[in-house]
Amino acid sequence: MKKQDIKAISSIKVLALDMIDKAGSGHPGIVLGAAPILYALYKDHLNVLPSKPNWFNRDRFVMSAGHGSALLYSLLYHAGFEIEMEEIKNFRQQYDRRNLQLHRQEG
């Protein structure tokens, strides 16, 4: 793995862990364990264009582990999809504009 890939994965992890910490919701295990897998998937295998998210022929990725949604949003942010840092900061907060929560953990 190249040094730039390691840096990118580390950045994805740190942002996702910060999101989970601030929200007080989510699970860090999936962030730490799956970040390299999702990074490789988006970088080397999926056919997507962040500048054209509704492109008909794009590959689709469905992540059913809602407790790992912070990882997915961090990855999409780093990949250049239209997610603003302000939205990342408001992940799972009451004033979250886009409602960036796939699975709310209560308790």
PDB file of N, CA and C in Angstrom:
ATOM      1  N   MET A   1       0.842  -1.173   0.000  1.00  0.00           N
ATOM      2  CA  MET A   1       0.000   0.000   0.000  1.00  0.00           C
ATOM      3  C   MET A   1       0.894   1.245   0.000  1.00  0.00           C
ATOM      4  N   LYS A   2       0.524   2.226  -0.797  1.00  0.00           N
ATOM      5  CA  LYS A   2       1.313   3.447  -0.915  1.00  0.00           C
ATOM      6  C   LYS A   2       1.096   4.360   0.291  1.00  0.00           C
ATOM      7  N   LYS A   3       2.070   5.215   0.521  1.00  0.00           N
ATOM      8  CA  LYS A   3       2.010   6.149   1.647  1.00  0.00           C
ATOM      9  C   LYS A   3       0.778   7.055   1.555  1.00  0.00           C
ATOM     10  N   GLN A   4       0.427   7.501   0.355  1.00  0.00           N
ATOM     11  CA  GLN A   4      -0.741   8.373   0.192  1.00  0.00           C
ATOM     12  C   GLN A   4      -2.035   7.631   0.524  1.00  0.00           C
ATOM     13  N   ASP A   5      -2.087   6.331   0.239  1.00  0.00           N
ATOM     14  CA  ASP A   5      -3.262   5.534   0.597  1.00  0.00           C
ATOM     15  C   ASP A   5      -3.392   5.418   2.113  1.00  0.00           C
ATOM     16  N   ILE A   6      -2.291   5.196   2.789  1.00  0.00           N
ATOM     17  CA  ILE A   6      -2.299   5.090   4.251  1.00  0.00           C
ATOM     18  C   ILE A   6      -2.754   6.398   4.875  1.00  0.00           C
ATOM     19  N   LYS A   7      -2.289   7.513   4.334  1.00  0.00           N
ATOM     20  CA  LYS A   7      -2.709   8.831   4.835  1.00  0.00           C
ATOM     21  C   LYS A   7      -4.197   9.056   4.600  1.00  0.00           C
ATOM     22  N   ALA A   8      -4.685   8.676   3.426  1.00  0.00           N
ATOM     23  CA  ALA A   8      -6.104   8.844   3.102  1.00  0.00           C
ATOM     24  C   ALA A   8      -6.974   8.014   4.046  1.00  0.00           C
ATOM     25  N   ILE A   9      -6.590   6.770   4.267  1.00  0.00           N
ATOM     26  CA  ILE A   9      -7.351   5.896   5.167  1.00  0.00           C
ATOM     27  C   ILE A   9      -7.329   6.452   6.586  1.00  0.00           C
ATOM     28  N   SER A  10      -6.191   6.939   7.035  1.00  0.00           N
ATOM     29  CA  SER A  10      -6.095   7.533   8.372  1.00  0.00           C
ATOM     30  C   SER A  10      -7.001   8.742   8.503  1.00  0.00           C
ATOM     31  N   SER A  11      -7.053   9.566   7.484  1.00  0.00           N
ATOM     32  CA  SER A  11      -7.909  10.749   7.507  1.00  0.00           C
ATOM     33  C   SER A  11      -9.387  10.363   7.559  1.00  0.00           C
ATOM     34  N   ILE A  12      -9.760   9.352   6.795  1.00  0.00           N
ATOM     35  CA  ILE A  12     -11.144   8.848   6.811  1.00  0.00           C
ATOM     36  C   ILE A  12     -11.495   8.341   8.201  1.00  0.00           C
ATOM     37  N   LYS A  13     -10.590   7.586   8.802  1.00  0.00           N
ATOM     38  CA  LYS A  13     -10.826   7.045  10.149  1.00  0.00           C
ATOM     39  C   LYS A  13     -10.987   8.158  11.181  1.00  0.00           C
ATOM     40  N   VAL A  14     -10.078   9.119  11.168  1.00  0.00           N
ATOM     41  CA  VAL A  14     -10.105  10.188  12.170  1.00  0.00           C
ATOM     42  C   VAL A  14     -11.402  10.985  12.071  1.00  0.00           C
ATOM     43  N   LEU A  15     -11.805  11.332  10.847  1.00  0.00           N
ATOM     44  CA  LEU A  15     -13.043  12.096  10.689  1.00  0.00           C
ATOM     45  C   LEU A  15     -14.246  11.287  11.176  1.00  0.00           C
ATOM     46  N   ALA A  16     -14.321  10.030  10.808  1.00  0.00           N
ATOM     47  CA  ALA A  16     -15.448   9.187  11.231  1.00  0.00           C
ATOM     48  C   ALA A  16     -15.464   9.001  12.749  1.00  0.00           C
ATOM     49  N   LEU A  17     -14.305   8.811  13.350  1.00  0.00           N
ATOM     50  CA  LEU A  17     -14.246   8.669  14.812  1.00  0.00           C
ATOM     51  C   LEU A  17     -14.661   9.961  15.502  1.00  0.00           C
ATOM     52  N   ASP A  18     -14.277  11.103  14.950  1.00  0.00           N
ATOM     53  CA  ASP A  18     -14.716  12.391  15.495  1.00  0.00           C
ATOM     54  C   ASP A  18     -16.230  12.540  15.398  1.00  0.00           C
ATOM     55  N   MET A  19     -16.801  12.095  14.287  1.00  0.00           N
ATOM     56  CA  MET A  19     -18.257  12.162  14.106  1.00  0.00           C
ATOM     57  C   MET A  19     -18.973  11.333  15.171  1.00  0.00           C
ATOM     58  N   ILE A  20     -18.489  10.126  15.386  1.00  0.00           N
ATOM     59  CA  ILE A  20     -19.088   9.234  16.380  1.00  0.00           C
ATOM     60  C   ILE A  20     -18.959   9.817  17.778  1.00  0.00           C
ATOM     61  N   ASP A  21     -17.783  10.343  18.082  1.00  0.00           N
ATOM     62  CA  ASP A  21     -17.534  10.916  19.406  1.00  0.00           C
ATOM     63  C   ASP A  21     -18.465  12.099  19.676  1.00  0.00           C
ATOM     64  N   LYS A  22     -18.571  13.006  18.723  1.00  0.00           N
ATOM     65  CA  LYS A  22     -19.418  14.184  18.921  1.00  0.00           C
ATOM     66  C   LYS A  22     -20.890  13.801  19.020  1.00  0.00           C
ATOM     67  N   ALA A  23     -21.315  12.846  18.200  1.00  0.00           N
ATOM     68  CA  ALA A  23     -22.719  12.438  18.205  1.00  0.00           C
ATOM     69  C   ALA A  23     -23.065  11.598  19.430  1.00  0.00           C
ATOM     70  N   GLY A  24     -22.061  10.961  20.034  1.00  0.00           N
ATOM     71  CA  GLY A  24     -22.333  10.053  21.149  1.00  0.00           C
ATOM     72  C   GLY A  24     -23.107   8.838  20.682  1.00  0.00           C
ATOM     73  N   SER A  25     -22.960   8.503  19.405  1.00  0.00           N
ATOM     74  CA  SER A  25     -23.726   7.415  18.815  1.00  0.00           C
ATOM     75  C   SER A  25     -22.933   6.807  17.667  1.00  0.00           C
ATOM     76  N   GLY A  26     -22.943   5.497  17.573  1.00  0.00           N
ATOM     77  CA  GLY A  26     -22.205   4.804  16.527  1.00  0.00           C
ATOM     78  C   GLY A  26     -21.222   3.845  17.158  1.00  0.00           C
ATOM     79  N   HIS A  27     -20.472   3.168  16.340  1.00  0.00           N
ATOM     80  CA  HIS A  27     -19.535   2.178  16.851  1.00  0.00           C
ATOM     81  C   HIS A  27     -18.182   2.350  16.161  1.00  0.00           C
ATOM     82  N   PRO A  28     -17.116   2.573  16.937  1.00  0.00           N
ATOM     83  CA  PRO A  28     -15.807   2.808  16.325  1.00  0.00           C
ATOM     84  C   PRO A  28     -15.181   1.567  15.686  1.00  0.00           C
ATOM     85  N   GLY A  29     -15.629   0.388  16.066  1.00  0.00           N
ATOM     86  CA  GLY A  29     -15.029  -0.838  15.545  1.00  0.00           C
ATOM     87  C   GLY A  29     -15.125  -0.953  14.039  1.00  0.00           C
ATOM     88  N   ILE A  30     -16.284  -0.636  13.492  1.00  0.00           N
ATOM     89  CA  ILE A  30     -16.444  -0.739  12.038  1.00  0.00           C
ATOM     90  C   ILE A  30     -15.592   0.307  11.322  1.00  0.00           C
ATOM     91  N   VAL A  31     -15.423   1.472  11.926  1.00  0.00           N
ATOM     92  CA  VAL A  31     -14.578   2.514  11.336  1.00  0.00           C
ATOM     93  C   VAL A  31     -13.138   2.026  11.262  1.00  0.00           C
ATOM     94  N   LEU A  32     -12.635   1.513  12.356  1.00  0.00           N
ATOM     95  CA  LEU A  32     -11.245   1.081  12.417  1.00  0.00           C
ATOM     96  C   LEU A  32     -10.983  -0.152  11.548  1.00  0.00           C
ATOM     97  N   GLY A  33     -11.954  -1.044  11.484  1.00  0.00           N
ATOM     98  CA  GLY A  33     -11.761  -2.286  10.752  1.00  0.00           C
ATOM     99  C   GLY A  33     -12.075  -2.221   9.266  1.00  0.00           C
ATOM    100  N   ALA A  34     -13.084  -1.442   8.905  1.00  0.00           N
ATOM    101  CA  ALA A  34     -13.555  -1.477   7.520  1.00  0.00           C
ATOM    102  C   ALA A  34     -13.081  -0.308   6.661  1.00  0.00           C
ATOM    103  N   ALA A  35     -12.460   0.703   7.247  1.00  0.00           N
ATOM    104  CA  ALA A  35     -12.014   1.860   6.451  1.00  0.00           C
ATOM    105  C   ALA A  35     -11.107   1.458   5.282  1.00  0.00           C
ATOM    106  N   PRO A  36     -10.115   0.588   5.495  1.00  0.00           N
ATOM    107  CA  PRO A  36      -9.268   0.207   4.351  1.00  0.00           C
ATOM    108  C   PRO A  36     -10.045  -0.529   3.257  1.00  0.00           C
ATOM    109  N   ILE A  37     -11.034  -1.309   3.653  1.00  0.00           N
ATOM    110  CA  ILE A  37     -11.827  -2.070   2.691  1.00  0.00           C
ATOM    111  C   ILE A  37     -12.670  -1.130   1.838  1.00  0.00           C
ATOM    112  N   LEU A  38     -13.387  -0.199   2.492  1.00  0.00           N
ATOM    113  CA  LEU A  38     -14.215   0.739   1.742  1.00  0.00           C
ATOM    114  C   LEU A  38     -13.369   1.664   0.885  1.00  0.00           C
ATOM    115  N   TYR A  39     -12.222   2.076   1.398  1.00  0.00           N
ATOM    116  CA  TYR A  39     -11.324   2.929   0.623  1.00  0.00           C
ATOM    117  C   TYR A  39     -10.908   2.213  -0.663  1.00  0.00           C
ATOM    118  N   ALA A  40     -10.476   0.981  -0.544  1.00  0.00           N
ATOM    119  CA  ALA A  40     -10.053   0.212  -1.725  1.00  0.00           C
ATOM    120  C   ALA A  40     -11.217  -0.010  -2.686  1.00  0.00           C
ATOM    121  N   LEU A  41     -12.382  -0.273  -2.146  1.00  0.00           N
ATOM    122  CA  LEU A  41     -13.568  -0.494  -2.973  1.00  0.00           C
ATOM    123  C   LEU A  41     -13.873   0.742  -3.820  1.00  0.00           C
ATOM    124  N   TYR A  42     -13.922   1.907  -3.174  1.00  0.00           N
ATOM    125  CA  TYR A  42     -14.236   3.141  -3.907  1.00  0.00           C
ATOM    126  C   TYR A  42     -13.087   3.583  -4.806  1.00  0.00           C
ATOM    127  N   LYS A  43     -11.868   3.392  -4.375  1.00  0.00           N
ATOM    128  CA  LYS A  43     -10.707   3.853  -5.151  1.00  0.00           C
ATOM    129  C   LYS A  43     -10.434   2.975  -6.372  1.00  0.00           C
ATOM    130  N   ASP A  44     -10.549   1.673  -6.194  1.00  0.00           N
ATOM    131  CA  ASP A  44     -10.074   0.759  -7.232  1.00  0.00           C
ATOM    132  C   ASP A  44     -11.140  -0.056  -7.963  1.00  0.00           C
ATOM    133  N   HIS A  45     -12.360  -0.110  -7.431  1.00  0.00           N
ATOM    134  CA  HIS A  45     -13.311  -1.056  -7.997  1.00  0.00           C
ATOM    135  C   HIS A  45     -14.648  -0.461  -8.442  1.00  0.00           C
ATOM    136  N   LEU A  46     -15.219   0.446  -7.658  1.00  0.00           N
ATOM    137  CA  LEU A  46     -16.526   0.987  -8.015  1.00  0.00           C
ATOM    138  C   LEU A  46     -16.401   2.014  -9.133  1.00  0.00           C
ATOM    139  N   ASN A  47     -17.367   2.015  -9.999  1.00  0.00           N
ATOM    140  CA  ASN A  47     -17.431   2.959 -11.107  1.00  0.00           C
ATOM    141  C   ASN A  47     -18.374   4.093 -10.705  1.00  0.00           C
ATOM    142  N   VAL A  48     -17.811   5.143 -10.096  1.00  0.00           N
ATOM    143  CA  VAL A  48     -18.607   6.284  -9.626  1.00  0.00           C
ATOM    144  C   VAL A  48     -17.924   7.589 -10.036  1.00  0.00           C
ATOM    145  N   LEU A  49     -18.715   8.622 -10.159  1.00  0.00           N
ATOM    146  CA  LEU A  49     -18.210   9.963 -10.439  1.00  0.00           C
ATOM    147  C   LEU A  49     -18.805  10.915  -9.402  1.00  0.00           C
ATOM    148  N   PRO A  50     -18.032  11.351  -8.425  1.00  0.00           N
ATOM    149  CA  PRO A  50     -18.571  12.263  -7.410  1.00  0.00           C
ATOM    150  C   PRO A  50     -19.204  13.519  -8.019  1.00  0.00           C
ATOM    151  N   SER A  51     -18.703  13.967  -9.168  1.00  0.00           N
ATOM    152  CA  SER A  51     -19.262  15.155  -9.814  1.00  0.00           C
ATOM    153  C   SER A  51     -20.616  14.879 -10.471  1.00  0.00           C
ATOM    154  N   LYS A  52     -20.950  13.606 -10.666  1.00  0.00           N
ATOM    155  CA  LYS A  52     -22.230  13.219 -11.266  1.00  0.00           C
ATOM    156  C   LYS A  52     -22.854  12.092 -10.437  1.00  0.00           C
ATOM    157  N   PRO A  53     -23.337  12.401  -9.223  1.00  0.00           N
ATOM    158  CA  PRO A  53     -23.840  11.348  -8.341  1.00  0.00           C
ATOM    159  C   PRO A  53     -25.094  10.639  -8.860  1.00  0.00           C
ATOM    160  N   ASN A  54     -25.795  11.234  -9.813  1.00  0.00           N
ATOM    161  CA  ASN A  54     -27.000  10.605 -10.353  1.00  0.00           C
ATOM    162  C   ASN A  54     -26.771   9.967 -11.721  1.00  0.00           C
ATOM    163  N   TRP A  55     -25.515   9.823 -12.104  1.00  0.00           N
ATOM    164  CA  TRP A  55     -25.165   9.188 -13.370  1.00  0.00           C
ATOM    165  C   TRP A  55     -25.808   7.802 -13.417  1.00  0.00           C
ATOM    166  N   PHE A  56     -26.539   7.518 -14.482  1.00  0.00           N
ATOM    167  CA  PHE A  56     -27.325   6.297 -14.586  1.00  0.00           C
ATOM    168  C   PHE A  56     -26.490   5.022 -14.482  1.00  0.00           C
ATOM    169  N   ASN A  57     -25.316   5.007 -15.092  1.00  0.00           N
ATOM    170  CA  ASN A  57     -24.526   3.784 -15.183  1.00  0.00           C
ATOM    171  C   ASN A  57     -23.537   3.606 -14.021  1.00  0.00           C
ATOM    172  N   ARG A  58     -23.703   4.388 -12.957  1.00  0.00           N
ATOM    173  CA  ARG A  58     -22.780   4.282 -11.828  1.00  0.00           C
ATOM    174  C   ARG A  58     -23.008   2.976 -11.068  1.00  0.00           C
ATOM    175  N   ASP A  59     -21.976   2.527 -10.389  1.00  0.00           N
ATOM    176  CA  ASP A  59     -22.140   1.396  -9.485  1.00  0.00           C
ATOM    177  C   ASP A  59     -22.810   1.912  -8.218  1.00  0.00           C
ATOM    178  N   ARG A  60     -23.545   1.057  -7.554  1.00  0.00           N
ATOM    179  CA  ARG A  60     -24.201   1.415  -6.302  1.00  0.00           C
ATOM    180  C   ARG A  60     -23.602   0.591  -5.175  1.00  0.00           C
ATOM    181  N   PHE A  61     -23.522   1.205  -4.012  1.00  0.00           N
ATOM    182  CA  PHE A  61     -23.017   0.511  -2.823  1.00  0.00           C
ATOM    183  C   PHE A  61     -24.043   0.689  -1.719  1.00  0.00           C
ATOM    184  N   VAL A  62     -24.487  -0.403  -1.147  1.00  0.00           N
ATOM    185  CA  VAL A  62     -25.444  -0.363  -0.043  1.00  0.00           C
ATOM    186  C   VAL A  62     -24.743  -0.914   1.185  1.00  0.00           C
ATOM    187  N   MET A  63     -24.700  -0.107   2.226  1.00  0.00           N
ATOM    188  CA  MET A  63     -24.082  -0.541   3.475  1.00  0.00           C
ATOM    189  C   MET A  63     -25.191  -0.735   4.489  1.00  0.00           C
ATOM    190  N   SER A  64     -25.472  -1.954   4.847  1.00  0.00           N
ATOM    191  CA  SER A  64     -26.592  -2.226   5.736  1.00  0.00           C
ATOM    192  C   SER A  64     -26.243  -2.049   7.210  1.00  0.00           C
ATOM    193  N   ALA A  65     -24.969  -1.886   7.519  1.00  0.00           N
ATOM    194  CA  ALA A  65     -24.556  -1.680   8.914  1.00  0.00           C
ATOM    195  C   ALA A  65     -24.700  -0.193   9.258  1.00  0.00           C
ATOM    196  N   GLY A  66     -25.901   0.189   9.701  1.00  0.00           N
ATOM    197  CA  GLY A  66     -26.182   1.592   9.994  1.00  0.00           C
ATOM    198  C   GLY A  66     -25.280   2.192  11.047  1.00  0.00           C
ATOM    199  N   HIS A  67     -24.802   1.364  11.974  1.00  0.00           N
ATOM    200  CA  HIS A  67     -23.920   1.896  13.020  1.00  0.00           C
ATOM    201  C   HIS A  67     -22.566   2.312  12.451  1.00  0.00           C
ATOM    202  N   GLY A  68     -22.314   1.975  11.200  1.00  0.00           N
ATOM    203  CA  GLY A  68     -21.082   2.391  10.536  1.00  0.00           C
ATOM    204  C   GLY A  68     -21.295   3.530   9.553  1.00  0.00           C
ATOM    205  N   SER A  69     -22.446   4.189   9.629  1.00  0.00           N
ATOM    206  CA  SER A  69     -22.740   5.245   8.659  1.00  0.00           C
ATOM    207  C   SER A  69     -21.736   6.389   8.726  1.00  0.00           C
ATOM    208  N   ALA A  70     -21.141   6.649   9.880  1.00  0.00           N
ATOM    209  CA  ALA A  70     -20.122   7.700   9.975  1.00  0.00           C
ATOM    210  C   ALA A  70     -18.955   7.378   9.052  1.00  0.00           C
ATOM    211  N   LEU A  71     -18.585   6.121   8.960  1.00  0.00           N
ATOM    212  CA  LEU A  71     -17.509   5.708   8.068  1.00  0.00           C
ATOM    213  C   LEU A  71     -17.880   5.997   6.621  1.00  0.00           C
ATOM    214  N   LEU A  72     -19.088   5.654   6.234  1.00  0.00           N
ATOM    215  CA  LEU A  72     -19.521   5.876   4.857  1.00  0.00           C
ATOM    216  C   LEU A  72     -19.549   7.367   4.528  1.00  0.00           C
ATOM    217  N   TYR A  73     -20.089   8.191   5.407  1.00  0.00           N
ATOM    218  CA  TYR A  73     -20.141   9.634   5.157  1.00  0.00           C
ATOM    219  C   TYR A  73     -18.739  10.231   5.101  1.00  0.00           C
ATOM    220  N   SER A  74     -17.848   9.777   5.960  1.00  0.00           N
ATOM    221  CA  SER A  74     -16.465  10.257   5.930  1.00  0.00           C
ATOM    222  C   SER A  74     -15.802   9.891   4.601  1.00  0.00           C
ATOM    223  N   LEU A  75     -16.010   8.673   4.162  1.00  0.00           N
ATOM    224  CA  LEU A  75     -15.449   8.224   2.891  1.00  0.00           C
ATOM    225  C   LEU A  75     -16.003   9.036   1.728  1.00  0.00           C
ATOM    226  N   LEU A  76     -17.312   9.246   1.704  1.00  0.00           N
ATOM    227  CA  LEU A  76     -17.924  10.008   0.619  1.00  0.00           C
ATOM    228  C   LEU A  76     -17.440  11.447   0.620  1.00  0.00           C
ATOM    229  N   TYR A  77     -17.263  12.023   1.805  1.00  0.00           N
ATOM    230  CA  TYR A  77     -16.726  13.380   1.905  1.00  0.00           C
ATOM    231  C   TYR A  77     -15.316  13.430   1.303  1.00  0.00           C
ATOM    232  N   HIS A  78     -14.480  12.502   1.694  1.00  0.00           N
ATOM    233  CA  HIS A  78     -13.105  12.472   1.196  1.00  0.00           C
ATOM    234  C   HIS A  78     -13.037  12.163  -0.309  1.00  0.00           C
ATOM    235  N   ALA A  79     -14.025  11.437  -0.811  1.00  0.00           N
ATOM    236  CA  ALA A  79     -14.044  11.088  -2.233  1.00  0.00           C
ATOM    237  C   ALA A  79     -14.519  12.247  -3.106  1.00  0.00           C
ATOM    238  N   GLY A  80     -15.063  13.279  -2.486  1.00  0.00           N
ATOM    239  CA  GLY A  80     -15.472  14.447  -3.256  1.00  0.00           C
ATOM    240  C   GLY A  80     -16.953  14.550  -3.529  1.00  0.00           C
ATOM    241  N   PHE A  81     -17.757  13.715  -2.875  1.00  0.00           N
ATOM    242  CA  PHE A  81     -19.198  13.831  -3.047  1.00  0.00           C
ATOM    243  C   PHE A  81     -19.693  15.097  -2.342  1.00  0.00           C
ATOM    244  N   GLU A  82     -20.878  15.559  -2.699  1.00  0.00           N
ATOM    245  CA  GLU A  82     -21.418  16.815  -2.189  1.00  0.00           C
ATOM    246  C   GLU A  82     -21.890  16.690  -0.744  1.00  0.00           C
ATOM    247  N   ILE A  83     -20.957  16.569   0.150  1.00  0.00           N
ATOM    248  CA  ILE A  83     -21.238  16.584   1.586  1.00  0.00           C
ATOM    249  C   ILE A  83     -20.324  17.649   2.172  1.00  0.00           C
ATOM    250  N   GLU A  84     -20.921  18.639   2.793  1.00  0.00           N
ATOM    251  CA  GLU A  84     -20.160  19.753   3.361  1.00  0.00           C
ATOM    252  C   GLU A  84     -19.617  19.382   4.736  1.00  0.00           C
ATOM    253  N   MET A  85     -18.503  19.991   5.124  1.00  0.00           N
ATOM    254  CA  MET A  85     -17.919  19.742   6.442  1.00  0.00           C
ATOM    255  C   MET A  85     -18.905  20.102   7.544  1.00  0.00           C
ATOM    256  N   GLU A  86     -19.708  21.125   7.325  1.00  0.00           N
ATOM    257  CA  GLU A  86     -20.709  21.520   8.326  1.00  0.00           C
ATOM    258  C   GLU A  86     -21.710  20.385   8.563  1.00  0.00           C
ATOM    259  N   GLU A  87     -22.075  19.673   7.499  1.00  0.00           N
ATOM    260  CA  GLU A  87     -22.978  18.532   7.636  1.00  0.00           C
ATOM    261  C   GLU A  87     -22.302  17.404   8.410  1.00  0.00           C
ATOM    262  N   ILE A  88     -21.023  17.187   8.157  1.00  0.00           N
ATOM    263  CA  ILE A  88     -20.265  16.174   8.891  1.00  0.00           C
ATOM    264  C   ILE A  88     -20.236  16.527  10.378  1.00  0.00           C
ATOM    265  N   LYS A  89     -19.996  17.792  10.678  1.00  0.00           N
ATOM    266  CA  LYS A  89     -19.942  18.241  12.071  1.00  0.00           C
ATOM    267  C   LYS A  89     -21.281  18.064  12.776  1.00  0.00           C
ATOM    268  N   ASN A  90     -22.366  18.130  12.022  1.00  0.00           N
ATOM    269  CA  ASN A  90     -23.706  18.014  12.610  1.00  0.00           C
ATOM    270  C   ASN A  90     -24.271  16.599  12.523  1.00  0.00           C
ATOM    271  N   PHE A  91     -23.439  15.630  12.248  1.00  0.00           N
ATOM    272  CA  PHE A  91     -23.864  14.227  12.129  1.00  0.00           C
ATOM    273  C   PHE A  91     -24.650  13.789  13.357  1.00  0.00           C
ATOM    274  N   ARG A  92     -25.863  13.323  13.111  1.00  0.00           N
ATOM    275  CA  ARG A  92     -26.776  12.829  14.150  1.00  0.00           C
ATOM    276  C   ARG A  92     -27.107  13.860  15.217  1.00  0.00           C
ATOM    277  N   GLN A  93     -27.060  15.125  14.858  1.00  0.00           N
ATOM    278  CA  GLN A  93     -27.458  16.182  15.774  1.00  0.00           C
ATOM    279  C   GLN A  93     -28.885  16.585  15.420  1.00  0.00           C
ATOM    280  N   GLN A  94     -29.558  17.202  16.345  1.00  0.00           N
ATOM    281  CA  GLN A  94     -30.948  17.582  16.141  1.00  0.00           C
ATOM    282  C   GLN A  94     -31.109  18.532  14.955  1.00  0.00           C
ATOM    283  N   TYR A  95     -30.123  19.363  14.699  1.00  0.00           N
ATOM    284  CA  TYR A  95     -30.203  20.352  13.622  1.00  0.00           C
ATOM    285  C   TYR A  95     -29.497  19.895  12.354  1.00  0.00           C
ATOM    286  N   ASP A  96     -29.325  18.614  12.203  1.00  0.00           N
ATOM    287  CA  ASP A  96     -28.683  18.015  11.026  1.00  0.00           C
ATOM    288  C   ASP A  96     -29.571  18.253   9.801  1.00  0.00           C
ATOM    289  N   ARG A  97     -29.119  19.101   8.877  1.00  0.00           N
ATOM    290  CA  ARG A  97     -29.905  19.504   7.709  1.00  0.00           C
ATOM    291  C   ARG A  97     -30.307  18.327   6.823  1.00  0.00           C
ATOM    292  N   ARG A  98     -29.386  17.437   6.569  1.00  0.00           N
ATOM    293  CA  ARG A  98     -29.638  16.321   5.663  1.00  0.00           C
ATOM    294  C   ARG A  98     -30.095  15.063   6.392  1.00  0.00           C
ATOM    295  N   ASN A  99     -30.132  15.144   7.718  1.00  0.00           N
ATOM    296  CA  ASN A  99     -30.492  13.999   8.536  1.00  0.00           C
ATOM    297  C   ASN A  99     -29.553  12.833   8.263  1.00  0.00           C
ATOM    298  N   LEU A 100     -28.248  13.073   8.441  1.00  0.00           N
ATOM    299  CA  LEU A 100     -27.232  12.057   8.177  1.00  0.00           C
ATOM    300  C   LEU A 100     -27.238  10.985   9.262  1.00  0.00           C
ATOM    301  N   GLN A 101     -28.276  10.215   9.277  1.00  0.00           N
ATOM    302  CA  GLN A 101     -28.320   9.100  10.217  1.00  0.00           C
ATOM    303  C   GLN A 101     -29.104   7.973   9.571  1.00  0.00           C
ATOM    304  N   LEU A 102     -28.462   6.865   9.471  1.00  0.00           N
ATOM    305  CA  LEU A 102     -29.120   5.707   8.893  1.00  0.00           C
ATOM    306  C   LEU A 102     -29.670   4.780   9.969  1.00  0.00           C
ATOM    307  N   HIS A 103     -29.072   4.851  11.149  1.00  0.00           N
ATOM    308  CA  HIS A 103     -29.476   3.939  12.207  1.00  0.00           C
ATOM    309  C   HIS A 103     -29.224   4.633  13.540  1.00  0.00           C
ATOM    310  N   ARG A 104     -30.269   5.080  14.169  1.00  0.00           N
ATOM    311  CA  ARG A 104     -30.148   5.784  15.445  1.00  0.00           C
ATOM    312  C   ARG A 104     -30.070   4.764  16.575  1.00  0.00           C
ATOM    313  N   GLN A 105     -29.024   4.858  17.367  1.00  0.00           N
ATOM    314  CA  GLN A 105     -28.888   3.951  18.502  1.00  0.00           C
ATOM    315  C   GLN A 105     -29.396   4.641  19.747  1.00  0.00           C
ATOM    316  N   GLU A 106     -30.380   4.077  20.371  1.00  0.00           N
ATOM    317  CA  GLU A 106     -30.984   4.626  21.586  1.00  0.00           C
ATOM    318  C   GLU A 106     -30.461   3.847  22.782  1.00  0.00           C
ATOM    319  N   GLY A 107     -30.422   4.522  23.908  1.00  0.00           N
ATOM    320  CA  GLY A 107     -30.035   3.774  25.107  1.00  0.00           C
ATOM    321  C   GLY A 107     -29.105   4.464  25.922  1.00  0.00           C
TER     322      GLY A 107
END
